[in-house]
Amino acid sequence: MKKDPEQQEEMERRLAEEEKIVGHVPVVHQILSDRPDMLLPNLDVSESMFAGEKVLPHKVKHLIALGAAVAGGSPYCIRAQMENAKMFGATEDEVLEALQIACYMGMTRGQSISFRVFADVFGKEYTE
């Protein structure tokens, strides 16, 4: 696929900026750097969520992202979001509480699904 030189230049600028801010370029972005047409929209979405403080402070955004990373089971995202939350001022206690909530919600998801299946399989009645 022929690369657009303007997209290539924009991508290189944004990846350099990301490395300067975060300290590294995430693997997903490294891989997608072969396809600026795919990477740039990905970066746009990410920046629309995390750039600036529209309503939520950065610390809160990254604690929420940490919870989502825990729920998604991605060790790389867990580390990145935990480091980001810390960078934006989250304390150990705040991170631990966010982890506890995320783990609890993961557990209740499993309960919610499995107990409904259990009830269906064993003929137990329940109301929604």
N, C-alpha and C. Protein backbone atom coordinates (compact mmCIF):
# COMPACT_ATOMS: atom_id res chain seq x y z
N MET A 1 0.84 -1.18 0.00
CA MET A 1 0.00 0.00 0.00
C MET A 1 0.89 1.25 0.00
N LYS A 2 0.56 2.17 -0.87
CA LYS A 2 1.32 3.41 -0.96
C LYS A 2 0.96 4.31 0.22
N LYS A 3 1.99 4.85 0.88
CA LYS A 3 1.77 5.70 2.04
C LYS A 3 1.68 7.16 1.63
N ASP A 4 0.77 7.87 2.27
CA ASP A 4 0.61 9.30 2.08
C ASP A 4 1.71 10.00 2.88
N PRO A 5 2.57 10.78 2.22
CA PRO A 5 3.68 11.43 2.94
C PRO A 5 3.21 12.36 4.06
N GLU A 6 2.08 13.03 3.87
CA GLU A 6 1.55 13.91 4.92
C GLU A 6 1.11 13.10 6.14
N GLN A 7 0.44 11.97 5.89
CA GLN A 7 0.04 11.11 7.00
C GLN A 7 1.27 10.56 7.72
N GLN A 8 2.27 10.17 6.94
CA GLN A 8 3.50 9.62 7.52
C GLN A 8 4.15 10.66 8.43
N GLU A 9 4.25 11.89 7.96
CA GLU A 9 4.87 12.96 8.75
C GLU A 9 4.06 13.24 10.02
N GLU A 10 2.75 13.31 9.88
CA GLU A 10 1.87 13.55 11.03
C GLU A 10 2.00 12.42 12.05
N MET A 11 2.04 11.19 11.57
CA MET A 11 2.16 10.04 12.46
C MET A 11 3.49 10.09 13.21
N GLU A 12 4.57 10.35 12.51
CA GLU A 12 5.88 10.41 13.15
C GLU A 12 5.92 11.50 14.22
N ARG A 13 5.32 12.65 13.93
CA ARG A 13 5.28 13.75 14.90
C ARG A 13 4.51 13.33 16.15
N ARG A 14 3.37 12.70 15.95
CA ARG A 14 2.53 12.32 17.09
C ARG A 14 3.14 11.18 17.90
N LEU A 15 3.80 10.24 17.24
CA LEU A 15 4.47 9.17 17.99
C LEU A 15 5.64 9.72 18.80
N ALA A 16 6.37 10.67 18.24
CA ALA A 16 7.48 11.29 18.97
C ALA A 16 6.93 12.04 20.19
N GLU A 17 5.81 12.72 20.02
CA GLU A 17 5.17 13.43 21.13
C GLU A 17 4.70 12.45 22.20
N GLU A 18 4.12 11.34 21.75
CA GLU A 18 3.66 10.31 22.69
C GLU A 18 4.84 9.75 23.49
N GLU A 19 5.93 9.47 22.80
CA GLU A 19 7.11 8.93 23.49
C GLU A 19 7.66 9.93 24.50
N LYS A 20 7.62 11.20 24.15
CA LYS A 20 8.10 12.25 25.06
C LYS A 20 7.23 12.32 26.31
N ILE A 21 5.92 12.22 26.14
CA ILE A 21 4.99 12.35 27.27
C ILE A 21 4.95 11.07 28.10
N VAL A 22 4.80 9.93 27.45
CA VAL A 22 4.57 8.66 28.14
C VAL A 22 5.88 7.93 28.44
N GLY A 23 6.91 8.21 27.67
CA GLY A 23 8.19 7.54 27.88
C GLY A 23 8.43 6.37 26.96
N HIS A 24 7.42 6.02 26.18
CA HIS A 24 7.56 4.93 25.21
C HIS A 24 6.41 5.01 24.21
N VAL A 25 6.53 4.26 23.14
CA VAL A 25 5.43 4.13 22.18
C VAL A 25 4.81 2.76 22.40
N PRO A 26 3.51 2.70 22.74
CA PRO A 26 2.87 1.41 22.98
C PRO A 26 3.02 0.47 21.77
N VAL A 27 3.08 -0.81 22.06
CA VAL A 27 3.26 -1.83 21.01
C VAL A 27 2.20 -1.70 19.93
N VAL A 28 0.95 -1.48 20.32
CA VAL A 28 -0.12 -1.34 19.33
C VAL A 28 0.22 -0.22 18.35
N HIS A 29 0.71 0.88 18.86
CA HIS A 29 1.06 2.01 17.99
C HIS A 29 2.29 1.70 17.15
N GLN A 30 3.23 0.95 17.72
CA GLN A 30 4.41 0.55 16.94
C GLN A 30 3.99 -0.29 15.74
N ILE A 31 3.11 -1.25 15.99
CA ILE A 31 2.67 -2.15 14.91
C ILE A 31 1.86 -1.38 13.87
N LEU A 32 0.94 -0.53 14.34
CA LEU A 32 0.10 0.23 13.41
C LEU A 32 0.87 1.33 12.69
N SER A 33 2.10 1.61 13.12
CA SER A 33 2.87 2.67 12.46
C SER A 33 3.19 2.32 11.01
N ASP A 34 3.05 1.05 10.65
CA ASP A 34 3.18 0.66 9.24
C ASP A 34 1.98 1.12 8.43
N ARG A 35 0.90 1.46 9.13
CA ARG A 35 -0.34 1.90 8.47
C ARG A 35 -0.84 3.20 9.10
N PRO A 36 -0.24 4.33 8.73
CA PRO A 36 -0.68 5.60 9.29
C PRO A 36 -2.18 5.85 9.09
N ASP A 37 -2.73 5.32 8.01
CA ASP A 37 -4.17 5.49 7.76
C ASP A 37 -5.02 4.82 8.83
N MET A 38 -4.48 3.82 9.51
CA MET A 38 -5.18 3.16 10.62
C MET A 38 -4.78 3.76 11.96
N LEU A 39 -3.50 4.08 12.10
CA LEU A 39 -3.01 4.58 13.39
C LEU A 39 -3.55 5.96 13.72
N LEU A 40 -3.56 6.86 12.76
CA LEU A 40 -3.98 8.24 13.06
C LEU A 40 -5.40 8.32 13.60
N PRO A 41 -6.38 7.61 13.02
CA PRO A 41 -7.72 7.64 13.63
C PRO A 41 -7.73 7.04 15.04
N ASN A 42 -6.91 6.02 15.27
CA ASN A 42 -6.79 5.42 16.60
C ASN A 42 -6.27 6.46 17.59
N LEU A 43 -5.25 7.20 17.19
CA LEU A 43 -4.70 8.25 18.05
C LEU A 43 -5.72 9.36 18.28
N ASP A 44 -6.51 9.68 17.25
CA ASP A 44 -7.55 10.71 17.40
C ASP A 44 -8.55 10.33 18.49
N VAL A 45 -8.99 9.08 18.47
CA VAL A 45 -9.96 8.62 19.47
C VAL A 45 -9.33 8.68 20.86
N SER A 46 -8.11 8.19 20.98
CA SER A 46 -7.43 8.20 22.27
C SER A 46 -7.28 9.63 22.79
N GLU A 47 -6.85 10.52 21.93
CA GLU A 47 -6.66 11.91 22.35
C GLU A 47 -7.99 12.57 22.71
N SER A 48 -9.06 12.20 22.02
CA SER A 48 -10.36 12.80 22.35
C SER A 48 -10.81 12.40 23.75
N MET A 49 -10.36 11.24 24.22
CA MET A 49 -10.72 10.78 25.56
C MET A 49 -9.79 11.36 26.63
N PHE A 50 -8.51 11.41 26.35
CA PHE A 50 -7.53 11.70 27.40
C PHE A 50 -6.90 13.08 27.34
N ALA A 51 -6.96 13.76 26.20
CA ALA A 51 -6.31 15.07 26.11
C ALA A 51 -7.14 16.12 26.85
N GLY A 52 -6.49 16.90 27.64
CA GLY A 52 -7.17 17.98 28.35
C GLY A 52 -8.10 17.47 29.43
N GLU A 53 -8.58 18.40 30.22
CA GLU A 53 -9.53 18.08 31.28
C GLU A 53 -10.85 18.76 30.93
N LYS A 54 -11.71 18.04 30.22
CA LYS A 54 -13.00 18.61 29.85
C LYS A 54 -13.91 18.65 31.06
N VAL A 55 -14.22 17.49 31.61
CA VAL A 55 -15.05 17.38 32.80
C VAL A 55 -14.29 16.63 33.89
N LEU A 56 -13.73 15.49 33.52
CA LEU A 56 -13.01 14.66 34.49
C LEU A 56 -11.53 15.03 34.53
N PRO A 57 -10.96 15.09 35.72
CA PRO A 57 -9.52 15.31 35.83
C PRO A 57 -8.76 14.10 35.27
N HIS A 58 -7.53 14.34 34.82
CA HIS A 58 -6.71 13.26 34.25
C HIS A 58 -6.61 12.06 35.18
N LYS A 59 -6.41 12.31 36.45
CA LYS A 59 -6.27 11.20 37.41
C LYS A 59 -7.50 10.30 37.37
N VAL A 60 -8.67 10.91 37.36
CA VAL A 60 -9.92 10.13 37.35
C VAL A 60 -10.06 9.37 36.04
N LYS A 61 -9.74 10.02 34.93
CA LYS A 61 -9.81 9.34 33.63
C LYS A 61 -8.96 8.07 33.63
N HIS A 62 -7.76 8.18 34.19
CA HIS A 62 -6.85 7.03 34.15
C HIS A 62 -7.21 5.98 35.20
N LEU A 63 -7.85 6.37 36.28
CA LEU A 63 -8.37 5.37 37.22
C LEU A 63 -9.52 4.60 36.59
N ILE A 64 -10.37 5.29 35.83
CA ILE A 64 -11.45 4.61 35.10
C ILE A 64 -10.85 3.67 34.06
N ALA A 65 -9.86 4.17 33.32
CA ALA A 65 -9.20 3.34 32.30
C ALA A 65 -8.53 2.13 32.94
N LEU A 66 -7.98 2.32 34.13
CA LEU A 66 -7.37 1.20 34.85
C LEU A 66 -8.43 0.13 35.15
N GLY A 67 -9.59 0.55 35.61
CA GLY A 67 -10.67 -0.40 35.87
C GLY A 67 -11.07 -1.16 34.62
N ALA A 68 -11.15 -0.44 33.50
CA ALA A 68 -11.50 -1.10 32.23
C ALA A 68 -10.41 -2.07 31.81
N ALA A 69 -9.15 -1.70 32.03
CA ALA A 69 -8.03 -2.58 31.68
C ALA A 69 -8.07 -3.85 32.52
N VAL A 70 -8.41 -3.70 33.81
CA VAL A 70 -8.54 -4.88 34.68
C VAL A 70 -9.67 -5.76 34.16
N ALA A 71 -10.81 -5.15 33.85
CA ALA A 71 -11.96 -5.91 33.34
C ALA A 71 -11.62 -6.61 32.03
N GLY A 72 -10.82 -5.94 31.20
CA GLY A 72 -10.42 -6.52 29.92
C GLY A 72 -9.30 -7.54 30.04
N GLY A 73 -8.64 -7.56 31.19
CA GLY A 73 -7.58 -8.54 31.43
C GLY A 73 -6.30 -8.29 30.67
N SER A 74 -6.00 -7.03 30.38
CA SER A 74 -4.79 -6.73 29.62
C SER A 74 -3.68 -6.26 30.56
N PRO A 75 -2.67 -7.11 30.80
CA PRO A 75 -1.59 -6.70 31.71
C PRO A 75 -0.84 -5.46 31.23
N TYR A 76 -0.72 -5.29 29.93
CA TYR A 76 -0.01 -4.13 29.40
C TYR A 76 -0.82 -2.86 29.65
N CYS A 77 -2.12 -2.92 29.42
CA CYS A 77 -2.97 -1.76 29.67
C CYS A 77 -3.09 -1.47 31.16
N ILE A 78 -3.13 -2.51 31.97
CA ILE A 78 -3.17 -2.32 33.42
C ILE A 78 -1.94 -1.53 33.86
N ARG A 79 -0.78 -1.95 33.43
CA ARG A 79 0.46 -1.25 33.81
C ARG A 79 0.45 0.19 33.30
N ALA A 80 0.11 0.37 32.03
CA ALA A 80 0.14 1.71 31.44
C ALA A 80 -0.82 2.65 32.17
N GLN A 81 -2.05 2.18 32.42
CA GLN A 81 -3.02 3.05 33.07
C GLN A 81 -2.69 3.28 34.54
N MET A 82 -2.10 2.29 35.19
CA MET A 82 -1.69 2.48 36.58
C MET A 82 -0.57 3.52 36.65
N GLU A 83 0.39 3.41 35.74
CA GLU A 83 1.47 4.39 35.70
C GLU A 83 0.95 5.78 35.35
N ASN A 84 -0.01 5.85 34.42
CA ASN A 84 -0.61 7.14 34.07
C ASN A 84 -1.36 7.74 35.25
N ALA A 85 -2.14 6.92 35.94
CA ALA A 85 -2.88 7.42 37.11
C ALA A 85 -1.90 7.95 38.16
N LYS A 86 -0.82 7.22 38.39
CA LYS A 86 0.20 7.66 39.35
C LYS A 86 0.84 8.97 38.88
N MET A 87 1.14 9.05 37.60
CA MET A 87 1.75 10.26 37.04
C MET A 87 0.85 11.48 37.26
N PHE A 88 -0.47 11.27 37.21
CA PHE A 88 -1.41 12.37 37.39
C PHE A 88 -1.85 12.53 38.85
N GLY A 89 -1.12 11.90 39.77
CA GLY A 89 -1.34 12.18 41.18
C GLY A 89 -2.14 11.17 41.97
N ALA A 90 -2.50 10.04 41.37
CA ALA A 90 -3.23 9.01 42.13
C ALA A 90 -2.31 8.42 43.20
N THR A 91 -2.86 8.28 44.38
CA THR A 91 -2.10 7.69 45.48
C THR A 91 -2.18 6.17 45.42
N GLU A 92 -1.34 5.51 46.21
CA GLU A 92 -1.42 4.05 46.30
C GLU A 92 -2.81 3.63 46.73
N ASP A 93 -3.37 4.32 47.72
CA ASP A 93 -4.70 3.95 48.22
C ASP A 93 -5.77 4.13 47.15
N GLU A 94 -5.68 5.19 46.36
CA GLU A 94 -6.66 5.40 45.29
C GLU A 94 -6.55 4.31 44.23
N VAL A 95 -5.33 3.94 43.87
CA VAL A 95 -5.14 2.87 42.88
C VAL A 95 -5.64 1.55 43.43
N LEU A 96 -5.32 1.24 44.69
CA LEU A 96 -5.80 -0.01 45.29
C LEU A 96 -7.32 -0.06 45.34
N GLU A 97 -7.95 1.07 45.68
CA GLU A 97 -9.42 1.09 45.72
C GLU A 97 -10.00 0.89 44.32
N ALA A 98 -9.40 1.54 43.32
CA ALA A 98 -9.86 1.35 41.94
C ALA A 98 -9.70 -0.11 41.52
N LEU A 99 -8.58 -0.74 41.91
CA LEU A 99 -8.37 -2.15 41.58
C LEU A 99 -9.40 -3.04 42.27
N GLN A 100 -9.68 -2.76 43.53
CA GLN A 100 -10.68 -3.55 44.27
C GLN A 100 -12.05 -3.45 43.60
N ILE A 101 -12.43 -2.24 43.22
CA ILE A 101 -13.73 -2.05 42.56
C ILE A 101 -13.76 -2.78 41.23
N ALA A 102 -12.68 -2.65 40.44
CA ALA A 102 -12.62 -3.32 39.14
C ALA A 102 -12.69 -4.84 39.30
N CYS A 103 -11.94 -5.36 40.26
CA CYS A 103 -11.96 -6.81 40.49
C CYS A 103 -13.33 -7.27 40.96
N TYR A 104 -13.96 -6.50 41.83
CA TYR A 104 -15.30 -6.84 42.31
C TYR A 104 -16.29 -6.85 41.15
N MET A 105 -16.22 -5.84 40.29
CA MET A 105 -17.14 -5.79 39.15
C MET A 105 -16.91 -6.96 38.20
N GLY A 106 -15.65 -7.36 38.04
CA GLY A 106 -15.35 -8.54 37.23
C GLY A 106 -15.97 -9.79 37.82
N MET A 107 -15.91 -9.89 39.16
CA MET A 107 -16.49 -11.04 39.84
C MET A 107 -18.01 -11.04 39.69
N THR A 108 -18.63 -9.87 39.87
CA THR A 108 -20.09 -9.84 39.79
C THR A 108 -20.58 -10.12 38.37
N ARG A 109 -19.78 -9.77 37.37
CA ARG A 109 -20.15 -10.10 35.99
C ARG A 109 -20.23 -11.62 35.84
N GLY A 110 -19.21 -12.30 36.35
CA GLY A 110 -19.20 -13.76 36.29
C GLY A 110 -20.37 -14.36 37.06
N GLN A 111 -20.66 -13.80 38.22
CA GLN A 111 -21.80 -14.28 39.00
C GLN A 111 -23.11 -14.04 38.25
N SER A 112 -23.26 -12.85 37.70
CA SER A 112 -24.49 -12.49 37.00
C SER A 112 -24.78 -13.45 35.85
N ILE A 113 -23.76 -13.76 35.10
CA ILE A 113 -23.94 -14.67 33.96
C ILE A 113 -24.11 -16.11 34.42
N SER A 114 -23.19 -16.59 35.25
CA SER A 114 -23.19 -18.01 35.61
C SER A 114 -24.39 -18.41 36.46
N PHE A 115 -24.83 -17.55 37.37
CA PHE A 115 -25.98 -17.92 38.20
C PHE A 115 -27.28 -17.94 37.41
N ARG A 116 -27.41 -17.11 36.39
CA ARG A 116 -28.58 -17.18 35.51
C ARG A 116 -28.59 -18.50 34.73
N VAL A 117 -27.41 -18.88 34.23
CA VAL A 117 -27.31 -20.16 33.52
C VAL A 117 -27.62 -21.30 34.48
N PHE A 118 -27.07 -21.25 35.69
CA PHE A 118 -27.34 -22.26 36.71
C PHE A 118 -28.85 -22.37 36.95
N ALA A 119 -29.50 -21.23 37.12
CA ALA A 119 -30.95 -21.24 37.36
C ALA A 119 -31.70 -21.86 36.18
N ASP A 120 -31.29 -21.53 34.97
CA ASP A 120 -31.94 -22.10 33.79
C ASP A 120 -31.72 -23.61 33.70
N VAL A 121 -30.50 -24.04 33.92
CA VAL A 121 -30.16 -25.47 33.82
C VAL A 121 -30.87 -26.28 34.89
N PHE A 122 -30.96 -25.74 36.11
CA PHE A 122 -31.54 -26.49 37.22
C PHE A 122 -32.98 -26.09 37.55
N GLY A 123 -33.60 -25.35 36.64
CA GLY A 123 -35.02 -25.03 36.79
C GLY A 123 -35.34 -24.11 37.97
N LYS A 124 -34.43 -23.27 38.35
CA LYS A 124 -34.67 -22.32 39.44
C LYS A 124 -35.36 -21.09 38.88
N GLU A 125 -36.29 -20.55 39.64
CA GLU A 125 -36.97 -19.34 39.20
C GLU A 125 -36.26 -18.11 39.75
N TYR A 126 -36.28 -17.07 38.95
CA TYR A 126 -35.72 -15.78 39.39
C TYR A 126 -36.43 -14.67 38.64
N THR A 127 -36.36 -13.48 39.17
CA THR A 127 -36.94 -12.32 38.49
C THR A 127 -35.83 -11.35 38.14
N GLU A 128 -36.01 -10.67 37.05
CA GLU A 128 -35.02 -9.66 36.61
C GLU A 128 -35.30 -8.34 37.27
